[in-house]
């Protein structure tokens, strides 16, 4: 772990650096990204702006650090599909577990994901790279699952596995980003997951699930 000028940070320095990141994460959950200032993060962490600049070039640099760690955790989304079956009742359970894990990941990282989406939408390649990194793992796993079903003749030969997988992940991302909106539309929390899981199962297998 190094400082901005290349020095190796000691144990105390690493603890201070992590505290700054934790405070920034907390502030992003309650304040618009553009409103978060270095002095505010430093004050919340009980240190000074000068100390902040020892570890990060600016707020954006610190946000990217948090986002990179979050993206690394995104590998767990692909693990939800590793070695899983899409046949019979097992397939229905796989679809439910994927939806449950996806929505949970988005809830846990909602604040930083909103910043990543904002940066990507504005054309910032760094944020876009992180977003792609998060989604590629699960998209690739879904593509492979559909391809395997297709090879066994259980999915129409004209289906493009990558296109279906990409569409399903895009749907999951949109749903996960707007979970609170569903309540306003009269959808109860316990109704959301099984209905989205149904769409995922239909998308992957082309069949209604066996429950």
C-alpha atoms as a PDB file:
ATOM      1  CA  UNK A   1       0.000   0.000   0.000  1.00  0.00           C
ATOM      2  CA  UNK A   2       1.644   3.248  -1.159  1.00  0.00           C
ATOM      3  CA  UNK A   3       0.954   6.949  -0.781  1.00  0.00           C
ATOM      4  CA  UNK A   4       0.447   9.283  -3.753  1.00  0.00           C
ATOM      5  CA  UNK A   5       4.168  10.123  -3.809  1.00  0.00           C
ATOM      6  CA  UNK A   6       5.166   6.448  -3.836  1.00  0.00           C
ATOM      7  CA  UNK A   7       6.073   5.909  -0.193  1.00  0.00           C
ATOM      8  CA  UNK A   8       5.039   2.651   1.445  1.00  0.00           C
ATOM      9  CA  UNK A   9       2.267   3.284   3.969  1.00  0.00           C
ATOM     10  CA  UNK A  10       2.776   1.810   7.428  1.00  0.00           C
ATOM     11  CA  UNK A  11       0.103   0.106   9.500  1.00  0.00           C
ATOM     12  CA  UNK A  12      -1.194   3.392  10.881  1.00  0.00           C
ATOM     13  CA  UNK A  13      -1.200   4.940   7.411  1.00  0.00           C
ATOM     14  CA  UNK A  14      -3.113   2.011   5.978  1.00  0.00           C
ATOM     15  CA  UNK A  15      -5.682   2.316   8.757  1.00  0.00           C
ATOM     16  CA  UNK A  16      -6.086   6.045   8.052  1.00  0.00           C
ATOM     17  CA  UNK A  17      -6.433   5.378   4.333  1.00  0.00           C
ATOM     18  CA  UNK A  18      -9.130   2.765   4.925  1.00  0.00           C
ATOM     19  CA  UNK A  19     -10.969   5.068   7.308  1.00  0.00           C
ATOM     20  CA  UNK A  20     -11.051   7.761   4.631  1.00  0.00           C
ATOM     21  CA  UNK A  21     -12.509   5.264   2.152  1.00  0.00           C
ATOM     22  CA  UNK A  22     -15.091   4.071   4.687  1.00  0.00           C
ATOM     23  CA  UNK A  23     -16.159   7.635   5.457  1.00  0.00           C
ATOM     24  CA  UNK A  24     -16.398   8.451   1.765  1.00  0.00           C
ATOM     25  CA  UNK A  25     -18.555   5.374   1.168  1.00  0.00           C
ATOM     26  CA  UNK A  26     -20.866   6.417   3.980  1.00  0.00           C
ATOM     27  CA  UNK A  27     -21.155   9.955   2.613  1.00  0.00           C
ATOM     28  CA  UNK A  28     -21.957   8.702  -0.899  1.00  0.00           C
ATOM     29  CA  UNK A  29     -24.955   6.844   0.521  1.00  0.00           C
ATOM     30  CA  UNK A  30     -26.519  10.076   1.759  1.00  0.00           C
ATOM     31  CA  UNK A  31     -25.093  12.854  -0.441  1.00  0.00           C
ATOM     32  CA  UNK A  32     -24.895  13.454  -4.212  1.00  0.00           C
ATOM     33  CA  UNK A  33     -21.472  12.478  -5.548  1.00  0.00           C
ATOM     34  CA  UNK A  34     -20.752  15.980  -6.874  1.00  0.00           C
ATOM     35  CA  UNK A  35     -21.421  17.502  -3.444  1.00  0.00           C
ATOM     36  CA  UNK A  36     -18.817  15.426  -1.608  1.00  0.00           C
ATOM     37  CA  UNK A  37     -15.667  17.471  -0.951  1.00  0.00           C
ATOM     38  CA  UNK A  38     -12.230  16.452   0.300  1.00  0.00           C
ATOM     39  CA  UNK A  39     -12.516  18.655   3.371  1.00  0.00           C
ATOM     40  CA  UNK A  40     -15.809  16.997   4.334  1.00  0.00           C
ATOM     41  CA  UNK A  41     -14.397  13.476   3.985  1.00  0.00           C
ATOM     42  CA  UNK A  42     -11.289  14.431   5.979  1.00  0.00           C
ATOM     43  CA  UNK A  43     -13.345  16.059   8.723  1.00  0.00           C
ATOM     44  CA  UNK A  44     -15.611  13.007   9.008  1.00  0.00           C
ATOM     45  CA  UNK A  45     -12.538  10.770   9.280  1.00  0.00           C
ATOM     46  CA  UNK A  46     -11.079  13.006  11.980  1.00  0.00           C
ATOM     47  CA  UNK A  47      -8.087  14.069   9.904  1.00  0.00           C
ATOM     48  CA  UNK A  48      -7.043  16.853   7.521  1.00  0.00           C
ATOM     49  CA  UNK A  49      -7.311  17.466   3.762  1.00  0.00           C
ATOM     50  CA  UNK A  50      -3.507  17.276   3.613  1.00  0.00           C
ATOM     51  CA  UNK A  51      -3.684  13.729   4.951  1.00  0.00           C
ATOM     52  CA  UNK A  52      -6.364  12.838   2.389  1.00  0.00           C
ATOM     53  CA  UNK A  53      -4.110  14.052  -0.421  1.00  0.00           C
ATOM     54  CA  UNK A  54      -1.324  11.815   0.847  1.00  0.00           C
ATOM     55  CA  UNK A  55      -3.374   8.801  -0.240  1.00  0.00           C
ATOM     56  CA  UNK A  56      -5.656  10.025  -3.030  1.00  0.00           C
ATOM     57  CA  UNK A  57      -5.306  12.673  -5.763  1.00  0.00           C
ATOM     58  CA  UNK A  58      -8.937  13.782  -5.285  1.00  0.00           C
ATOM     59  CA  UNK A  59     -12.394  12.507  -4.356  1.00  0.00           C
ATOM     60  CA  UNK A  60     -12.795  10.887  -7.758  1.00  0.00           C
ATOM     61  CA  UNK A  61      -9.588   8.924  -7.268  1.00  0.00           C
ATOM     62  CA  UNK A  62     -10.837   7.617  -3.937  1.00  0.00           C
ATOM     63  CA  UNK A  63     -14.212   6.734  -5.474  1.00  0.00           C
ATOM     64  CA  UNK A  64     -12.453   4.741  -8.190  1.00  0.00           C
ATOM     65  CA  UNK A  65     -10.558   2.864  -5.484  1.00  0.00           C
ATOM     66  CA  UNK A  66     -13.824   1.905  -3.770  1.00  0.00           C
ATOM     67  CA  UNK A  67     -15.342   0.955  -7.122  1.00  0.00           C
ATOM     68  CA  UNK A  68     -12.408  -1.312  -7.995  1.00  0.00           C
ATOM     69  CA  UNK A  69     -12.812  -3.205  -4.719  1.00  0.00           C
ATOM     70  CA  UNK A  70     -16.540  -3.492  -5.343  1.00  0.00           C
ATOM     71  CA  UNK A  71     -15.922  -4.791  -8.874  1.00  0.00           C
ATOM     72  CA  UNK A  72     -13.634  -7.484  -7.487  1.00  0.00           C
ATOM     73  CA  UNK A  73     -16.478  -8.592  -5.222  1.00  0.00           C
ATOM     74  CA  UNK A  74     -18.665  -8.749  -8.331  1.00  0.00           C
ATOM     75  CA  UNK A  75     -17.025 -12.079  -9.141  1.00  0.00           C
ATOM     76  CA  UNK A  76     -19.457 -13.582  -6.619  1.00  0.00           C
ATOM     77  CA  UNK A  77     -22.255 -13.032  -9.145  1.00  0.00           C
ATOM     78  CA  UNK A  78     -20.685 -15.546 -11.518  1.00  0.00           C
ATOM     79  CA  UNK A  79     -20.243 -17.975  -8.627  1.00  0.00           C
ATOM     80  CA  UNK A  80     -24.035 -18.048  -8.284  1.00  0.00           C
ATOM     81  CA  UNK A  81     -24.104 -19.980 -11.575  1.00  0.00           C
ATOM     82  CA  UNK A  82     -20.990 -22.094 -11.200  1.00  0.00           C
ATOM     83  CA  UNK A  83     -21.811 -25.785 -11.561  1.00  0.00           C
ATOM     84  CA  UNK A  84     -25.544 -25.104 -11.378  1.00  0.00           C
ATOM     85  CA  UNK A  85     -28.208 -26.989 -13.324  1.00  0.00           C
ATOM     86  CA  UNK A  86     -31.019 -25.410 -15.356  1.00  0.00           C
ATOM     87  CA  UNK A  87     -33.021 -28.642 -15.554  1.00  0.00           C
ATOM     88  CA  UNK A  88     -36.279 -29.293 -13.710  1.00  0.00           C
ATOM     89  CA  UNK A  89     -36.702 -27.918 -10.206  1.00  0.00           C
ATOM     90  CA  UNK A  90     -32.956 -27.320  -9.963  1.00  0.00           C
ATOM     91  CA  UNK A  91     -33.260 -24.841 -12.829  1.00  0.00           C
ATOM     92  CA  UNK A  92     -35.947 -22.905 -11.008  1.00  0.00           C
ATOM     93  CA  UNK A  93     -33.770 -22.756  -7.893  1.00  0.00           C
ATOM     94  CA  UNK A  94     -30.812 -21.557  -9.969  1.00  0.00           C
ATOM     95  CA  UNK A  95     -32.892 -18.717 -11.433  1.00  0.00           C
ATOM     96  CA  UNK A  96     -34.132 -17.688  -7.989  1.00  0.00           C
ATOM     97  CA  UNK A  97     -30.648 -17.764  -6.472  1.00  0.00           C
ATOM     98  CA  UNK A  98     -29.257 -15.639  -9.305  1.00  0.00           C
ATOM     99  CA  UNK A  99     -31.950 -12.998  -8.893  1.00  0.00           C
ATOM    100  CA  UNK A 100     -31.640 -13.021  -5.114  1.00  0.00           C
ATOM    101  CA  UNK A 101     -27.847 -12.665  -5.266  1.00  0.00           C
ATOM    102  CA  UNK A 102     -27.976  -9.971  -7.936  1.00  0.00           C
ATOM    103  CA  UNK A 103     -30.478  -7.815  -6.058  1.00  0.00           C
ATOM    104  CA  UNK A 104     -28.578  -8.288  -2.802  1.00  0.00           C
ATOM    105  CA  UNK A 105     -25.268  -7.250  -4.415  1.00  0.00           C
ATOM    106  CA  UNK A 106     -26.897  -4.083  -5.780  1.00  0.00           C
ATOM    107  CA  UNK A 107     -28.424  -3.218  -2.409  1.00  0.00           C
ATOM    108  CA  UNK A 108     -25.092  -3.613  -0.616  1.00  0.00           C
ATOM    109  CA  UNK A 109     -23.226  -1.470  -3.139  1.00  0.00           C
ATOM    110  CA  UNK A 110     -26.022   0.864  -4.197  1.00  0.00           C
ATOM    111  CA  UNK A 111     -24.208   4.131  -3.445  1.00  0.00           C
ATOM    112  CA  UNK A 112     -21.011   3.367  -5.352  1.00  0.00           C
ATOM    113  CA  UNK A 113     -22.890   1.686  -8.206  1.00  0.00           C
ATOM    114  CA  UNK A 114     -24.886   4.881  -8.723  1.00  0.00           C
ATOM    115  CA  UNK A 115     -21.624   6.800  -9.057  1.00  0.00           C
ATOM    116  CA  UNK A 116     -20.219   4.193 -11.447  1.00  0.00           C
ATOM    117  CA  UNK A 117     -23.365   4.382 -13.590  1.00  0.00           C
ATOM    118  CA  UNK A 118     -23.176   8.181 -13.604  1.00  0.00           C
ATOM    119  CA  UNK A 119     -19.532   8.190 -14.639  1.00  0.00           C
ATOM    120  CA  UNK A 120     -20.126   5.563 -17.334  1.00  0.00           C
ATOM    121  CA  UNK A 121     -23.138   7.489 -18.688  1.00  0.00           C
ATOM    122  CA  UNK A 122     -20.977  10.609 -18.926  1.00  0.00           C
ATOM    123  CA  UNK A 123     -18.452   8.720 -21.028  1.00  0.00           C
ATOM    124  CA  UNK A 124     -15.744   8.224 -18.395  1.00  0.00           C
ATOM    125  CA  UNK A 125     -13.894   5.134 -19.636  1.00  0.00           C
ATOM    126  CA  UNK A 126     -12.580   4.302 -16.166  1.00  0.00           C
ATOM    127  CA  UNK A 127     -16.069   3.956 -14.711  1.00  0.00           C
ATOM    128  CA  UNK A 128     -17.317   2.196 -17.825  1.00  0.00           C
ATOM    129  CA  UNK A 129     -14.506  -0.350 -17.527  1.00  0.00           C
ATOM    130  CA  UNK A 130     -15.496  -1.072 -13.937  1.00  0.00           C
ATOM    131  CA  UNK A 131     -19.157  -1.464 -14.883  1.00  0.00           C
ATOM    132  CA  UNK A 132     -18.291  -3.882 -17.661  1.00  0.00           C
ATOM    133  CA  UNK A 133     -16.027  -5.837 -15.305  1.00  0.00           C
ATOM    134  CA  UNK A 134     -18.918  -6.332 -12.873  1.00  0.00           C
ATOM    135  CA  UNK A 135     -21.393  -7.441 -15.516  1.00  0.00           C
ATOM    136  CA  UNK A 136     -19.088  -9.492 -17.747  1.00  0.00           C
ATOM    137  CA  UNK A 137     -18.639 -12.294 -15.231  1.00  0.00           C
ATOM    138  CA  UNK A 138     -22.326 -13.120 -14.884  1.00  0.00           C
ATOM    139  CA  UNK A 139     -23.007 -12.438 -18.591  1.00  0.00           C
ATOM    140  CA  UNK A 140     -20.311 -14.909 -19.548  1.00  0.00           C
ATOM    141  CA  UNK A 141     -21.671 -17.550 -17.181  1.00  0.00           C
ATOM    142  CA  UNK A 142     -25.198 -17.147 -18.531  1.00  0.00           C
ATOM    143  CA  UNK A 143     -23.930 -17.275 -22.122  1.00  0.00           C
ATOM    144  CA  UNK A 144     -22.149 -20.552 -21.389  1.00  0.00           C
ATOM    145  CA  UNK A 145     -25.240 -22.031 -19.712  1.00  0.00           C
ATOM    146  CA  UNK A 146     -27.462 -21.179 -22.694  1.00  0.00           C
ATOM    147  CA  UNK A 147     -24.843 -22.491 -25.133  1.00  0.00           C
ATOM    148  CA  UNK A 148     -24.702 -25.814 -23.291  1.00  0.00           C
ATOM    149  CA  UNK A 149     -28.483 -26.160 -23.366  1.00  0.00           C
ATOM    150  CA  UNK A 150     -28.444 -25.293 -27.058  1.00  0.00           C
ATOM    151  CA  UNK A 151     -25.803 -27.960 -27.762  1.00  0.00           C
ATOM    152  CA  UNK A 152     -28.090 -30.521 -26.110  1.00  0.00           C
ATOM    153  CA  UNK A 153     -30.996 -29.436 -28.309  1.00  0.00           C
ATOM    154  CA  UNK A 154     -32.919 -27.972 -25.393  1.00  0.00           C
ATOM    155  CA  UNK A 155     -32.738 -24.393 -26.690  1.00  0.00           C
ATOM    156  CA  UNK A 156     -33.683 -23.273 -30.199  1.00  0.00           C
ATOM    157  CA  UNK A 157     -30.680 -23.342 -32.569  1.00  0.00           C
ATOM    158  CA  UNK A 158     -31.476 -19.825 -33.819  1.00  0.00           C
ATOM    159  CA  UNK A 159     -31.039 -18.310 -30.351  1.00  0.00           C
ATOM    160  CA  UNK A 160     -27.891 -16.234 -29.847  1.00  0.00           C
ATOM    161  CA  UNK A 161     -26.695 -17.141 -26.333  1.00  0.00           C
ATOM    162  CA  UNK A 162     -24.665 -13.948 -25.857  1.00  0.00           C
ATOM    163  CA  UNK A 163     -27.579 -11.754 -26.931  1.00  0.00           C
ATOM    164  CA  UNK A 164     -29.992 -13.472 -24.545  1.00  0.00           C
ATOM    165  CA  UNK A 165     -27.482 -13.378 -21.679  1.00  0.00           C
ATOM    166  CA  UNK A 166     -26.739  -9.699 -22.283  1.00  0.00           C
ATOM    167  CA  UNK A 167     -30.441  -8.846 -22.365  1.00  0.00           C
ATOM    168  CA  UNK A 168     -31.095 -10.746 -19.122  1.00  0.00           C
ATOM    169  CA  UNK A 169     -28.205  -9.057 -17.314  1.00  0.00           C
ATOM    170  CA  UNK A 170     -29.359  -5.660 -18.576  1.00  0.00           C
ATOM    171  CA  UNK A 171     -32.827  -6.426 -17.210  1.00  0.00           C
ATOM    172  CA  UNK A 172     -31.406  -7.537 -13.857  1.00  0.00           C
ATOM    173  CA  UNK A 173     -29.276  -4.403 -13.644  1.00  0.00           C
ATOM    174  CA  UNK A 174     -32.234  -2.141 -14.348  1.00  0.00           C
ATOM    175  CA  UNK A 175     -34.473  -3.951 -11.852  1.00  0.00           C
ATOM    176  CA  UNK A 176     -31.749  -3.908  -9.199  1.00  0.00           C
ATOM    177  CA  UNK A 177     -31.207  -0.172  -9.710  1.00  0.00           C
ATOM    178  CA  UNK A 178     -34.897   0.618  -9.296  1.00  0.00           C
ATOM    179  CA  UNK A 179     -35.983  -1.751  -6.534  1.00  0.00           C
ATOM    180  CA  UNK A 180     -37.678   1.019  -4.559  1.00  0.00           C
ATOM    181  CA  UNK A 181     -39.715   2.063  -7.587  1.00  0.00           C
ATOM    182  CA  UNK A 182     -41.487  -1.281  -7.698  1.00  0.00           C
ATOM    183  CA  UNK A 183     -43.092  -0.516  -4.347  1.00  0.00           C
ATOM    184  CA  UNK A 184     -44.551   2.656  -5.831  1.00  0.00           C
ATOM    185  CA  UNK A 185     -45.977   0.538  -8.645  1.00  0.00           C
ATOM    186  CA  UNK A 186     -47.752  -1.690  -6.150  1.00  0.00           C
ATOM    187  CA  UNK A 187     -45.288  -4.576  -6.330  1.00  0.00           C
ATOM    188  CA  UNK A 188     -44.516  -6.079  -2.933  1.00  0.00           C
ATOM    189  CA  UNK A 189     -40.931  -7.030  -2.122  1.00  0.00           C
ATOM    190  CA  UNK A 190     -41.738 -10.738  -1.866  1.00  0.00           C
ATOM    191  CA  UNK A 191     -43.443 -10.599  -5.287  1.00  0.00           C
ATOM    192  CA  UNK A 192     -40.524  -9.054  -7.153  1.00  0.00           C
ATOM    193  CA  UNK A 193     -37.960 -11.844  -6.923  1.00  0.00           C
ATOM    194  CA  UNK A 194     -40.101 -14.798  -8.123  1.00  0.00           C
ATOM    195  CA  UNK A 195     -41.451 -12.814 -11.069  1.00  0.00           C
ATOM    196  CA  UNK A 196     -37.997 -11.681 -12.186  1.00  0.00           C
ATOM    197  CA  UNK A 197     -36.703 -15.232 -11.653  1.00  0.00           C
ATOM    198  CA  UNK A 198     -39.493 -16.456 -13.946  1.00  0.00           C
ATOM    199  CA  UNK A 199     -38.272 -14.148 -16.717  1.00  0.00           C
ATOM    200  CA  UNK A 200     -34.673 -15.284 -16.204  1.00  0.00           C
ATOM    201  CA  UNK A 201     -35.686 -18.963 -16.362  1.00  0.00           C
ATOM    202  CA  UNK A 202     -37.733 -18.391 -19.504  1.00  0.00           C
ATOM    203  CA  UNK A 203     -34.861 -16.467 -21.073  1.00  0.00           C
ATOM    204  CA  UNK A 204     -32.275 -19.151 -20.370  1.00  0.00           C
ATOM    205  CA  UNK A 205     -34.304 -22.300 -21.020  1.00  0.00           C
ATOM    206  CA  UNK A 206     -37.197 -21.105 -23.164  1.00  0.00           C
ATOM    207  CA  UNK A 207     -39.502 -23.031 -20.827  1.00  0.00           C
ATOM    208  CA  UNK A 208     -41.650 -22.382 -17.791  1.00  0.00           C
ATOM    209  CA  UNK A 209     -39.961 -23.581 -14.620  1.00  0.00           C
ATOM    210  CA  UNK A 210     -40.829 -26.790 -12.819  1.00  0.00           C
ATOM    211  CA  UNK A 211     -41.770 -25.728  -9.301  1.00  0.00           C
END
